[in-house]
Amino acid sequence: MSNASLDEDKFNLEIRKFLKVVGITSQREIEQAVRAALEAGTLKPGDSVAAKVTLELPGLGVEHVISEQLDLA
């Protein structure tokens, strides 16, 4: 597919829809895991949690890792 045949607006919309699902799902999973750990006593307020996301585009040979520390303060 050449750039001339790529519908940039549609492609951008598809990316945004994908990222919205990723963001909402990721936030929910993080919140549930942190609440469960706080209740179990394995985490306490003021701790931090390592978070890592790997974005893969297998058909394109892309793997991008994003790592952050999330402070619970």
N, C-alpha and C. Protein backbone atom coordinates (compact mmCIF):
# COMPACT_ATOMS: atom_id res chain seq x y z
N MET A 1 0.86 -1.18 0.00
CA MET A 1 0.00 0.00 0.00
C MET A 1 0.90 1.24 0.00
N SER A 2 0.68 2.14 -0.92
CA SER A 2 1.48 3.36 -0.97
C SER A 2 0.80 4.45 -0.16
N ASN A 3 1.57 5.49 0.20
CA ASN A 3 1.01 6.61 0.94
C ASN A 3 -0.15 7.25 0.20
N ALA A 4 -0.11 7.23 -1.14
CA ALA A 4 -1.16 7.86 -1.94
C ALA A 4 -2.50 7.16 -1.74
N SER A 5 -2.50 5.86 -1.43
CA SER A 5 -3.76 5.14 -1.27
C SER A 5 -4.19 5.03 0.19
N LEU A 6 -3.39 5.54 1.12
CA LEU A 6 -3.72 5.47 2.54
C LEU A 6 -4.69 6.59 2.91
N ASP A 7 -5.83 6.22 3.47
CA ASP A 7 -6.80 7.20 3.94
C ASP A 7 -6.35 7.61 5.35
N GLU A 8 -5.63 8.70 5.44
CA GLU A 8 -5.04 9.16 6.70
C GLU A 8 -6.08 9.38 7.79
N ASP A 9 -7.23 9.94 7.44
CA ASP A 9 -8.27 10.21 8.43
C ASP A 9 -8.82 8.91 9.02
N LYS A 10 -9.11 7.94 8.16
CA LYS A 10 -9.63 6.66 8.62
C LYS A 10 -8.59 5.93 9.45
N PHE A 11 -7.35 5.93 9.00
CA PHE A 11 -6.27 5.28 9.71
C PHE A 11 -6.08 5.91 11.09
N ASN A 12 -6.09 7.23 11.15
CA ASN A 12 -5.95 7.94 12.42
C ASN A 12 -7.08 7.59 13.37
N LEU A 13 -8.30 7.50 12.85
CA LEU A 13 -9.46 7.13 13.65
C LEU A 13 -9.30 5.70 14.20
N GLU A 14 -8.83 4.79 13.36
CA GLU A 14 -8.60 3.40 13.81
C GLU A 14 -7.57 3.35 14.92
N ILE A 15 -6.50 4.10 14.79
CA ILE A 15 -5.47 4.15 15.84
C ILE A 15 -6.06 4.70 17.13
N ARG A 16 -6.81 5.78 17.04
CA ARG A 16 -7.42 6.38 18.23
C ARG A 16 -8.39 5.43 18.92
N LYS A 17 -9.18 4.69 18.15
CA LYS A 17 -10.10 3.71 18.75
C LYS A 17 -9.32 2.62 19.47
N PHE A 18 -8.25 2.14 18.85
CA PHE A 18 -7.41 1.12 19.47
C PHE A 18 -6.80 1.65 20.77
N LEU A 19 -6.23 2.84 20.73
CA LEU A 19 -5.60 3.42 21.92
C LEU A 19 -6.61 3.70 23.03
N LYS A 20 -7.84 4.04 22.68
CA LYS A 20 -8.87 4.26 23.68
C LYS A 20 -9.16 2.96 24.42
N VAL A 21 -9.30 1.87 23.67
CA VAL A 21 -9.54 0.56 24.29
C VAL A 21 -8.36 0.17 25.17
N VAL A 22 -7.15 0.35 24.66
CA VAL A 22 -5.95 0.04 25.43
C VAL A 22 -5.90 0.86 26.71
N GLY A 23 -6.16 2.15 26.60
CA GLY A 23 -6.09 3.03 27.76
C GLY A 23 -7.12 2.70 28.82
N ILE A 24 -8.36 2.51 28.42
CA ILE A 24 -9.44 2.22 29.37
C ILE A 24 -9.20 0.87 30.04
N THR A 25 -8.86 -0.13 29.25
CA THR A 25 -8.62 -1.47 29.79
C THR A 25 -7.41 -1.47 30.72
N SER A 26 -6.35 -0.81 30.32
CA SER A 26 -5.13 -0.76 31.13
C SER A 26 -5.38 -0.06 32.46
N GLN A 27 -6.08 1.06 32.43
CA GLN A 27 -6.37 1.78 33.66
C GLN A 27 -7.19 0.91 34.62
N ARG A 28 -8.19 0.24 34.10
CA ARG A 28 -9.04 -0.64 34.92
C ARG A 28 -8.20 -1.75 35.56
N GLU A 29 -7.36 -2.39 34.78
CA GLU A 29 -6.52 -3.48 35.29
C GLU A 29 -5.54 -2.99 36.36
N ILE A 30 -4.94 -1.84 36.12
CA ILE A 30 -4.00 -1.27 37.11
C ILE A 30 -4.73 -0.95 38.40
N GLU A 31 -5.87 -0.28 38.29
CA GLU A 31 -6.63 0.09 39.49
C GLU A 31 -7.05 -1.14 40.29
N GLN A 32 -7.55 -2.17 39.61
CA GLN A 32 -7.97 -3.38 40.30
C GLN A 32 -6.80 -4.08 40.98
N ALA A 33 -5.67 -4.17 40.31
CA ALA A 33 -4.50 -4.84 40.88
C ALA A 33 -3.96 -4.07 42.08
N VAL A 34 -3.92 -2.75 41.99
CA VAL A 34 -3.41 -1.94 43.10
C VAL A 34 -4.36 -2.02 44.29
N ARG A 35 -5.66 -1.92 44.06
CA ARG A 35 -6.62 -2.03 45.17
C ARG A 35 -6.51 -3.39 45.86
N ALA A 36 -6.39 -4.45 45.07
CA ALA A 36 -6.27 -5.80 45.65
C ALA A 36 -4.98 -5.91 46.46
N ALA A 37 -3.90 -5.36 45.96
CA ALA A 37 -2.63 -5.42 46.68
C ALA A 37 -2.67 -4.58 47.96
N LEU A 38 -3.35 -3.44 47.91
CA LEU A 38 -3.50 -2.62 49.11
C LEU A 38 -4.32 -3.37 50.17
N GLU A 39 -5.40 -4.00 49.73
CA GLU A 39 -6.24 -4.77 50.65
C GLU A 39 -5.49 -5.97 51.23
N ALA A 40 -4.65 -6.59 50.43
CA ALA A 40 -3.89 -7.76 50.87
C ALA A 40 -2.69 -7.36 51.73
N GLY A 41 -2.35 -6.08 51.71
CA GLY A 41 -1.22 -5.60 52.48
C GLY A 41 0.13 -5.76 51.79
N THR A 42 0.12 -6.15 50.53
CA THR A 42 1.38 -6.28 49.81
C THR A 42 1.86 -4.95 49.24
N LEU A 43 0.99 -3.97 49.24
CA LEU A 43 1.33 -2.59 48.89
C LEU A 43 0.77 -1.70 49.96
N LYS A 44 1.42 -0.54 50.12
CA LYS A 44 0.86 0.45 51.04
C LYS A 44 0.90 1.82 50.36
N PRO A 45 0.02 2.73 50.81
CA PRO A 45 0.04 4.07 50.23
C PRO A 45 1.45 4.65 50.31
N GLY A 46 1.87 5.30 49.25
CA GLY A 46 3.21 5.87 49.20
C GLY A 46 4.20 4.98 48.46
N ASP A 47 3.85 3.70 48.28
CA ASP A 47 4.70 2.82 47.48
C ASP A 47 4.61 3.22 46.01
N SER A 48 5.41 2.56 45.21
CA SER A 48 5.29 2.73 43.76
C SER A 48 5.22 1.35 43.12
N VAL A 49 4.69 1.33 41.93
CA VAL A 49 4.49 0.09 41.19
C VAL A 49 5.13 0.25 39.82
N ALA A 50 5.91 -0.74 39.42
CA ALA A 50 6.47 -0.73 38.07
C ALA A 50 5.39 -1.15 37.09
N ALA A 51 5.30 -0.44 36.00
CA ALA A 51 4.34 -0.78 34.94
C ALA A 51 5.09 -0.85 33.62
N LYS A 52 4.69 -1.81 32.80
CA LYS A 52 5.34 -1.97 31.50
C LYS A 52 4.30 -2.39 30.47
N VAL A 53 4.34 -1.76 29.32
CA VAL A 53 3.46 -2.09 28.21
C VAL A 53 4.34 -2.38 27.00
N THR A 54 3.99 -3.44 26.30
CA THR A 54 4.69 -3.76 25.07
C THR A 54 3.70 -3.66 23.91
N LEU A 55 4.00 -2.77 23.00
CA LEU A 55 3.19 -2.61 21.79
C LEU A 55 3.85 -3.44 20.70
N GLU A 56 3.08 -4.32 20.11
CA GLU A 56 3.61 -5.15 19.04
C GLU A 56 2.77 -5.00 17.78
N LEU A 57 3.43 -4.90 16.68
CA LEU A 57 2.81 -4.97 15.36
C LEU A 57 3.51 -6.14 14.66
N PRO A 58 3.07 -7.35 14.97
CA PRO A 58 3.79 -8.54 14.51
C PRO A 58 4.02 -8.59 13.00
N GLY A 59 3.05 -8.18 12.24
CA GLY A 59 3.19 -8.22 10.79
C GLY A 59 4.19 -7.23 10.24
N LEU A 60 4.55 -6.25 11.08
CA LEU A 60 5.50 -5.21 10.64
C LEU A 60 6.84 -5.31 11.35
N GLY A 61 6.97 -6.30 12.24
CA GLY A 61 8.24 -6.47 12.95
C GLY A 61 8.51 -5.39 13.98
N VAL A 62 7.46 -4.79 14.54
CA VAL A 62 7.62 -3.71 15.51
C VAL A 62 7.34 -4.24 16.91
N GLU A 63 8.23 -3.92 17.84
CA GLU A 63 8.01 -4.18 19.26
C GLU A 63 8.56 -2.98 20.02
N HIS A 64 7.67 -2.29 20.74
CA HIS A 64 8.05 -1.07 21.46
C HIS A 64 7.62 -1.22 22.91
N VAL A 65 8.58 -1.07 23.82
CA VAL A 65 8.31 -1.24 25.25
C VAL A 65 8.30 0.11 25.94
N ILE A 66 7.27 0.32 26.78
CA ILE A 66 7.16 1.54 27.57
C ILE A 66 7.12 1.11 29.03
N SER A 67 8.04 1.64 29.83
CA SER A 67 8.11 1.32 31.27
C SER A 67 8.03 2.59 32.09
N GLU A 68 7.30 2.53 33.19
CA GLU A 68 7.14 3.68 34.09
C GLU A 68 6.99 3.18 35.52
N GLN A 69 7.31 4.02 36.47
CA GLN A 69 7.01 3.79 37.88
C GLN A 69 5.76 4.60 38.19
N LEU A 70 4.76 3.95 38.77
CA LEU A 70 3.52 4.63 39.16
C LEU A 70 3.54 4.84 40.66
N ASP A 71 3.59 6.09 41.10
CA ASP A 71 3.60 6.41 42.53
C ASP A 71 2.19 6.35 43.09
N LEU A 72 2.06 5.75 44.25
CA LEU A 72 0.75 5.61 44.89
C LEU A 72 0.52 6.67 45.97
N ALA A 73 1.28 7.71 45.93
CA ALA A 73 1.16 8.76 46.94
C ALA A 73 -0.15 9.51 46.82
